[in-house]
Amino acid sequence: MARDGGSPKFCSATTRRGRGAGEQVGDTGWRKGGTIYDYLNMGGYAAFIWPAYGVAAVVLLGMLLASLRGLRTSERELAALEAARPERPRRRRARAAEPSRPEDGVVNPGNGETA
């Protein structure tokens, strides 16, 4: 912890990398004018991080391709099923089985009078 009681991320003494007082210990220097190499090195863990990104990208790409292939197969199957099915006539809506009530003000199908 720092001598001034601050956060443990800050140190008042010079660190191994030659930073002065108050600079963050875990900072690689990228935001403070470091090189692209410092960023790509990922603080020394690049040998673990970049292959993990690569594996994740390959898995996601494989899942995308498998999904697209399955979509095309399903669309072809649906088109074949729709083409093989004969056109059916549409059903008419069934009329109400019971006569309408006179208080509704609707024509009574039995005698043709309104209420």
Protein backbone atom coordinates (compact mmCIF):
# COMPACT_ATOMS: atom_id res chain seq x y z
CA MET A 1 0.00 0.00 0.00
CA ALA A 2 1.14 3.52 -0.63
CA ARG A 3 2.61 5.60 2.20
CA ASP A 4 -0.13 8.18 1.79
CA GLY A 5 -2.85 5.58 2.55
CA GLY A 6 -4.09 5.49 -1.03
CA SER A 7 -5.08 2.58 -3.20
CA PRO A 8 -2.78 -0.48 -3.30
CA LYS A 9 -2.63 -0.09 -7.11
CA PHE A 10 -0.47 2.99 -6.70
CA CYS A 11 2.97 2.87 -5.26
CA SER A 12 5.11 5.70 -3.99
CA ALA A 13 8.45 4.06 -4.75
CA THR A 14 9.97 3.36 -8.14
CA THR A 15 8.87 -0.03 -9.50
CA ARG A 16 10.79 -2.65 -11.48
CA ARG A 17 9.88 -0.99 -14.76
CA GLY A 18 11.27 2.35 -13.68
CA ARG A 19 8.01 4.14 -12.98
CA GLY A 20 8.01 7.06 -10.64
CA ALA A 21 5.87 7.76 -7.61
CA GLY A 22 2.10 7.53 -8.02
CA GLU A 23 2.00 5.54 -11.24
CA GLN A 24 -0.04 2.38 -11.52
CA VAL A 25 1.87 -0.85 -11.06
CA GLY A 26 -0.18 -2.86 -13.59
CA ASP A 27 -0.12 -0.26 -16.36
CA THR A 28 1.75 -1.36 -19.50
CA GLY A 29 2.23 2.15 -20.75
CA TRP A 30 -0.09 1.94 -23.76
CA ARG A 31 -2.26 4.85 -22.61
CA LYS A 32 0.80 6.83 -21.62
CA GLY A 33 2.48 6.76 -25.02
CA GLY A 34 3.61 3.13 -25.11
CA THR A 35 4.18 1.27 -28.35
CA ILE A 36 1.85 -1.08 -30.16
CA TYR A 37 4.20 -3.86 -29.11
CA ASP A 38 3.39 -3.10 -25.46
CA TYR A 39 -0.31 -3.49 -26.20
CA LEU A 40 0.05 -6.68 -28.26
CA ASN A 41 2.34 -8.19 -25.62
CA MET A 42 -0.59 -7.97 -23.12
CA GLY A 43 1.66 -7.55 -20.14
CA GLY A 44 3.56 -10.76 -20.91
CA TYR A 45 0.45 -12.93 -21.26
CA ALA A 46 0.08 -12.66 -25.04
CA ALA A 47 0.99 -16.35 -25.48
CA PHE A 48 -2.23 -17.23 -23.59
CA ILE A 49 -4.58 -14.40 -24.57
CA TRP A 50 -4.22 -14.28 -28.37
CA PRO A 51 -4.66 -18.05 -28.90
CA ALA A 52 -7.77 -17.89 -26.69
CA TYR A 53 -9.16 -15.12 -28.93
CA GLY A 54 -8.30 -17.22 -31.98
CA VAL A 55 -10.05 -20.33 -30.65
CA ALA A 56 -13.13 -18.28 -29.73
CA ALA A 57 -13.23 -16.72 -33.22
CA VAL A 58 -12.94 -20.14 -34.91
CA VAL A 59 -15.71 -21.60 -32.73
CA LEU A 60 -18.03 -18.64 -33.41
CA LEU A 61 -17.34 -18.81 -37.15
CA GLY A 62 -18.05 -22.55 -37.16
CA MET A 63 -21.34 -22.01 -35.33
CA LEU A 64 -22.33 -19.30 -37.84
CA LEU A 65 -21.57 -21.54 -40.82
CA ALA A 66 -23.43 -24.51 -39.29
CA SER A 67 -26.47 -22.31 -38.59
CA LEU A 68 -26.52 -20.94 -42.13
CA ARG A 69 -26.20 -24.43 -43.60
CA GLY A 70 -29.07 -25.66 -41.41
CA LEU A 71 -31.20 -22.67 -42.44
CA ARG A 72 -30.68 -23.40 -46.15
CA THR A 73 -31.52 -27.07 -45.63
CA SER A 74 -34.71 -26.22 -43.73
CA GLU A 75 -35.77 -23.70 -46.39
CA ARG A 76 -35.27 -26.28 -49.14
CA GLU A 77 -37.24 -28.89 -47.20
CA LEU A 78 -40.08 -26.42 -46.58
CA ALA A 79 -40.21 -25.44 -50.26
CA ALA A 80 -40.36 -29.13 -51.28
CA LEU A 81 -43.16 -29.84 -48.80
CA GLU A 82 -45.16 -26.83 -49.94
CA ALA A 83 -44.74 -27.80 -53.59
CA ALA A 84 -45.84 -31.40 -52.95
CA ARG A 85 -48.99 -30.40 -51.05
CA PRO A 86 -52.07 -29.86 -53.22
CA GLU A 87 -53.89 -26.57 -52.83
CA ARG A 88 -56.78 -26.94 -50.42
CA PRO A 89 -59.94 -24.92 -50.73
CA ARG A 90 -60.42 -22.42 -47.94
CA ARG A 91 -63.03 -23.19 -45.33
CA ARG A 92 -65.90 -20.82 -44.91
CA ARG A 93 -66.69 -19.52 -41.49
CA ALA A 94 -69.53 -21.41 -39.87
CA ARG A 95 -72.64 -19.44 -39.02
CA ALA A 96 -73.83 -19.28 -35.44
CA ALA A 97 -76.02 -22.29 -34.62
CA GLU A 98 -78.33 -20.47 -32.25
CA PRO A 99 -80.59 -17.59 -33.28
CA SER A 100 -79.64 -14.09 -32.27
CA ARG A 101 -81.26 -12.46 -29.27
CA PRO A 102 -83.83 -9.72 -29.94
CA GLU A 103 -82.31 -7.41 -27.32
CA ASP A 104 -79.10 -7.21 -29.40
CA GLY A 105 -81.01 -5.46 -32.19
CA VAL A 106 -79.87 -8.05 -34.73
CA VAL A 107 -82.09 -9.66 -37.35
CA ASN A 108 -83.50 -12.97 -36.16
CA PRO A 109 -82.62 -15.57 -38.80
CA GLY A 110 -85.79 -17.50 -37.97
CA ASN A 111 -88.37 -14.91 -39.01
CA GLY A 112 -86.33 -12.01 -40.51
CA GLU A 113 -87.60 -9.40 -38.04
CA THR A 114 -85.53 -6.98 -36.03
CA ALA A 115 -85.98 -6.34 -32.36
